[in-house]
Amino acid sequence: MLIFRLVNEGPGPVEVYESDLPWGIQNSLSLSLFRLDETGCWKVEEYLLIDDPGPGTIVIGRGMTLNGRVDLSGRFDGPKAADRHADFLLRWRYVPMTADLVTGKSSSGWIIIPAAQSQ
């Protein structure tokens, strides 16, 4: 589970499609999972499902904070992602977009998931 916190630090309110929030639909957030072991680093296949966006929008006021969660269970190849003896590196990237298709500054990061926690 990834937990996101978005803050509108711009000069005014912005309208966005709810589906474009990181937790909106699967394609709104870029994720890559890599299995790390003594032989190297191996990309784990991501299951890309059909996830149609809805028409709903939300206005995020200046200084307003939104919180959401992205469930990772079932998103990656089960046998490779379920290896309890390997560490994993999870990389994410999010590019915000307003309802009128203006993109904002992208954010990205990564986290190491130790073998003991990758169950």
C-alpha atoms as a PDB file:
ATOM      1  CA  MET A   1       0.000   0.000   0.000  1.00  0.00           C
ATOM      2  CA  LEU A   2       1.344   3.407  -0.986  1.00  0.00           C
ATOM      3  CA  ILE A   3       0.001   6.471   0.786  1.00  0.00           C
ATOM      4  CA  PHE A   4      -0.011   9.798  -1.038  1.00  0.00           C
ATOM      5  CA  ARG A   5      -0.531  13.339   0.183  1.00  0.00           C
ATOM      6  CA  LEU A   6      -1.139  16.044  -2.422  1.00  0.00           C
ATOM      7  CA  VAL A   7      -0.997  19.729  -1.549  1.00  0.00           C
ATOM      8  CA  ASN A   8      -2.007  22.543  -3.899  1.00  0.00           C
ATOM      9  CA  GLU A   9       0.872  24.988  -3.491  1.00  0.00           C
ATOM     10  CA  GLY A  10      -0.187  27.035  -6.538  1.00  0.00           C
ATOM     11  CA  PRO A  11      -1.595  30.556  -6.576  1.00  0.00           C
ATOM     12  CA  GLY A  12      -5.228  29.452  -6.841  1.00  0.00           C
ATOM     13  CA  PRO A  13      -7.640  26.538  -7.084  1.00  0.00           C
ATOM     14  CA  VAL A  14      -7.236  23.801  -9.694  1.00  0.00           C
ATOM     15  CA  GLU A  15      -9.827  21.467 -11.141  1.00  0.00           C
ATOM     16  CA  VAL A  16      -8.704  17.889 -11.810  1.00  0.00           C
ATOM     17  CA  TYR A  17     -10.390  14.705 -12.856  1.00  0.00           C
ATOM     18  CA  GLU A  18     -10.683  12.409  -9.828  1.00  0.00           C
ATOM     19  CA  SER A  19      -9.365   9.577 -12.010  1.00  0.00           C
ATOM     20  CA  ASP A  20      -6.121  11.560 -12.568  1.00  0.00           C
ATOM     21  CA  LEU A  21      -5.234  11.582  -8.886  1.00  0.00           C
ATOM     22  CA  PRO A  22      -2.476   9.047  -8.029  1.00  0.00           C
ATOM     23  CA  TRP A  23      -5.084   6.755  -6.461  1.00  0.00           C
ATOM     24  CA  GLY A  24      -7.673   7.408  -9.183  1.00  0.00           C
ATOM     25  CA  ILE A  25      -7.064   4.752 -11.843  1.00  0.00           C
ATOM     26  CA  GLN A  26      -4.125   2.447 -12.505  1.00  0.00           C
ATOM     27  CA  ASN A  27      -2.694   4.546 -15.358  1.00  0.00           C
ATOM     28  CA  SER A  28      -2.602   7.790 -13.363  1.00  0.00           C
ATOM     29  CA  LEU A  29       0.512   6.609 -11.515  1.00  0.00           C
ATOM     30  CA  SER A  30       3.587   5.034 -13.085  1.00  0.00           C
ATOM     31  CA  LEU A  31       4.956   2.150 -11.001  1.00  0.00           C
ATOM     32  CA  SER A  32       7.890  -0.214 -11.531  1.00  0.00           C
ATOM     33  CA  LEU A  33       8.831  -3.074  -9.232  1.00  0.00           C
ATOM     34  CA  PHE A  34      12.289  -4.670  -9.286  1.00  0.00           C
ATOM     35  CA  ARG A  35      13.313  -7.878  -7.530  1.00  0.00           C
ATOM     36  CA  LEU A  36      16.804  -7.588  -6.037  1.00  0.00           C
ATOM     37  CA  ASP A  37      18.847 -10.691  -5.305  1.00  0.00           C
ATOM     38  CA  GLU A  38      22.422 -11.972  -5.408  1.00  0.00           C
ATOM     39  CA  THR A  39      22.234 -12.433  -9.205  1.00  0.00           C
ATOM     40  CA  GLY A  40      21.056  -8.911 -10.024  1.00  0.00           C
ATOM     41  CA  CYS A  41      18.026  -6.689 -10.433  1.00  0.00           C
ATOM     42  CA  TRP A  42      14.976  -8.046 -12.285  1.00  0.00           C
ATOM     43  CA  LYS A  43      11.896  -6.120 -13.342  1.00  0.00           C
ATOM     44  CA  VAL A  44       8.635  -7.698 -12.170  1.00  0.00           C
ATOM     45  CA  GLU A  45       5.886  -7.640 -14.777  1.00  0.00           C
ATOM     46  CA  GLU A  46       3.033  -5.274 -13.980  1.00  0.00           C
ATOM     47  CA  TYR A  47      -0.517  -6.364 -14.738  1.00  0.00           C
ATOM     48  CA  LEU A  48      -2.172  -3.549 -16.653  1.00  0.00           C
ATOM     49  CA  LEU A  49      -5.918  -3.832 -16.402  1.00  0.00           C
ATOM     50  CA  ILE A  50      -8.580  -1.888 -18.248  1.00  0.00           C
ATOM     51  CA  ASP A  51      -9.366   0.955 -15.886  1.00  0.00           C
ATOM     52  CA  ASP A  52     -11.566   3.547 -17.567  1.00  0.00           C
ATOM     53  CA  PRO A  53     -11.594   7.057 -16.100  1.00  0.00           C
ATOM     54  CA  GLY A  54     -14.818   8.546 -14.878  1.00  0.00           C
ATOM     55  CA  PRO A  55     -16.122  12.032 -15.685  1.00  0.00           C
ATOM     56  CA  GLY A  56     -15.992  13.336 -12.105  1.00  0.00           C
ATOM     57  CA  THR A  57     -13.836  16.330 -11.228  1.00  0.00           C
ATOM     58  CA  ILE A  58     -12.745  17.883  -7.980  1.00  0.00           C
ATOM     59  CA  VAL A  59     -11.561  21.406  -7.239  1.00  0.00           C
ATOM     60  CA  ILE A  60      -8.465  21.548  -5.073  1.00  0.00           C
ATOM     61  CA  GLY A  61      -8.311  24.924  -3.376  1.00  0.00           C
ATOM     62  CA  ARG A  62      -5.100  26.820  -2.723  1.00  0.00           C
ATOM     63  CA  GLY A  63      -3.348  25.193   0.238  1.00  0.00           C
ATOM     64  CA  MET A  64      -5.804  22.281   0.258  1.00  0.00           C
ATOM     65  CA  THR A  65      -4.488  18.786   1.024  1.00  0.00           C
ATOM     66  CA  LEU A  66      -5.806  15.501  -0.383  1.00  0.00           C
ATOM     67  CA  ASN A  67      -4.821  12.074   0.901  1.00  0.00           C
ATOM     68  CA  GLY A  68      -5.212   8.745  -0.833  1.00  0.00           C
ATOM     69  CA  ARG A  69      -3.941   5.175  -1.027  1.00  0.00           C
ATOM     70  CA  VAL A  70      -2.785   2.975  -3.882  1.00  0.00           C
ATOM     71  CA  ASP A  71      -3.293  -0.740  -3.302  1.00  0.00           C
ATOM     72  CA  LEU A  72      -0.390  -2.723  -4.779  1.00  0.00           C
ATOM     73  CA  SER A  73      -1.825  -6.185  -4.178  1.00  0.00           C
ATOM     74  CA  GLY A  74      -2.488  -7.970  -7.444  1.00  0.00           C
ATOM     75  CA  ARG A  75      -0.745  -5.290  -9.505  1.00  0.00           C
ATOM     76  CA  PHE A  76       2.446  -7.241 -10.166  1.00  0.00           C
ATOM     77  CA  ASP A  77       3.290 -10.801 -11.277  1.00  0.00           C
ATOM     78  CA  GLY A  78       2.343 -12.926  -8.269  1.00  0.00           C
ATOM     79  CA  PRO A  79       5.113 -15.596  -8.088  1.00  0.00           C
ATOM     80  CA  LYS A  80       7.942 -13.132  -8.697  1.00  0.00           C
ATOM     81  CA  ALA A  81       6.486 -10.468  -6.425  1.00  0.00           C
ATOM     82  CA  ALA A  82       5.753 -12.984  -3.651  1.00  0.00           C
ATOM     83  CA  ASP A  83       9.366 -14.134  -3.188  1.00  0.00           C
ATOM     84  CA  ARG A  84       9.840 -13.777   0.566  1.00  0.00           C
ATOM     85  CA  HIS A  85      13.619 -14.177   0.316  1.00  0.00           C
ATOM     86  CA  ALA A  86      14.308 -11.215  -1.983  1.00  0.00           C
ATOM     87  CA  ASP A  87      14.359  -7.481  -1.493  1.00  0.00           C
ATOM     88  CA  PHE A  88      12.340  -5.290  -3.843  1.00  0.00           C
ATOM     89  CA  LEU A  89      12.718  -1.768  -5.149  1.00  0.00           C
ATOM     90  CA  LEU A  90       9.483   0.055  -5.968  1.00  0.00           C
ATOM     91  CA  ARG A  91       9.741   3.148  -8.165  1.00  0.00           C
ATOM     92  CA  TRP A  92       6.836   5.543  -8.672  1.00  0.00           C
ATOM     93  CA  ARG A  93       6.220   8.663 -10.777  1.00  0.00           C
ATOM     94  CA  TYR A  94       3.209  10.953 -10.839  1.00  0.00           C
ATOM     95  CA  VAL A  95       2.512  13.811 -13.256  1.00  0.00           C
ATOM     96  CA  PRO A  96      -0.463  15.911 -12.157  1.00  0.00           C
ATOM     97  CA  MET A  97      -2.826  17.189 -14.832  1.00  0.00           C
ATOM     98  CA  THR A  98      -5.645  19.695 -14.598  1.00  0.00           C
ATOM     99  CA  ALA A  99      -9.060  19.128 -16.165  1.00  0.00           C
ATOM    100  CA  ASP A 100      -8.046  21.457 -19.018  1.00  0.00           C
ATOM    101  CA  LEU A 101      -4.985  19.219 -19.712  1.00  0.00           C
ATOM    102  CA  VAL A 102      -2.255  21.406 -18.219  1.00  0.00           C
ATOM    103  CA  THR A 103       0.451  19.234 -16.664  1.00  0.00           C
ATOM    104  CA  GLY A 104       2.163  20.148 -13.434  1.00  0.00           C
ATOM    105  CA  LYS A 105       5.573  19.345 -12.021  1.00  0.00           C
ATOM    106  CA  SER A 106       6.166  15.601 -11.836  1.00  0.00           C
ATOM    107  CA  SER A 107       7.053  13.869  -8.597  1.00  0.00           C
ATOM    108  CA  SER A 108       8.864  10.591  -8.256  1.00  0.00           C
ATOM    109  CA  GLY A 109      10.513   8.426  -5.683  1.00  0.00           C
ATOM    110  CA  TRP A 110      11.472   4.926  -4.713  1.00  0.00           C
ATOM    111  CA  ILE A 111      11.436   2.671  -1.711  1.00  0.00           C
ATOM    112  CA  ILE A 112      13.326  -0.504  -0.833  1.00  0.00           C
ATOM    113  CA  ILE A 113      11.066  -3.236   0.548  1.00  0.00           C
ATOM    114  CA  PRO A 114      13.213  -5.639   2.606  1.00  0.00           C
ATOM    115  CA  ALA A 115      12.641  -9.392   2.234  1.00  0.00           C
ATOM    116  CA  ALA A 116      11.075  -9.648   5.672  1.00  0.00           C
ATOM    117  CA  GLN A 117       8.341  -7.127   4.663  1.00  0.00           C
ATOM    118  CA  SER A 118       7.614  -8.325   1.106  1.00  0.00           C
ATOM    119  CA  GLN A 119       5.077 -10.948   2.117  1.00  0.00           C
END
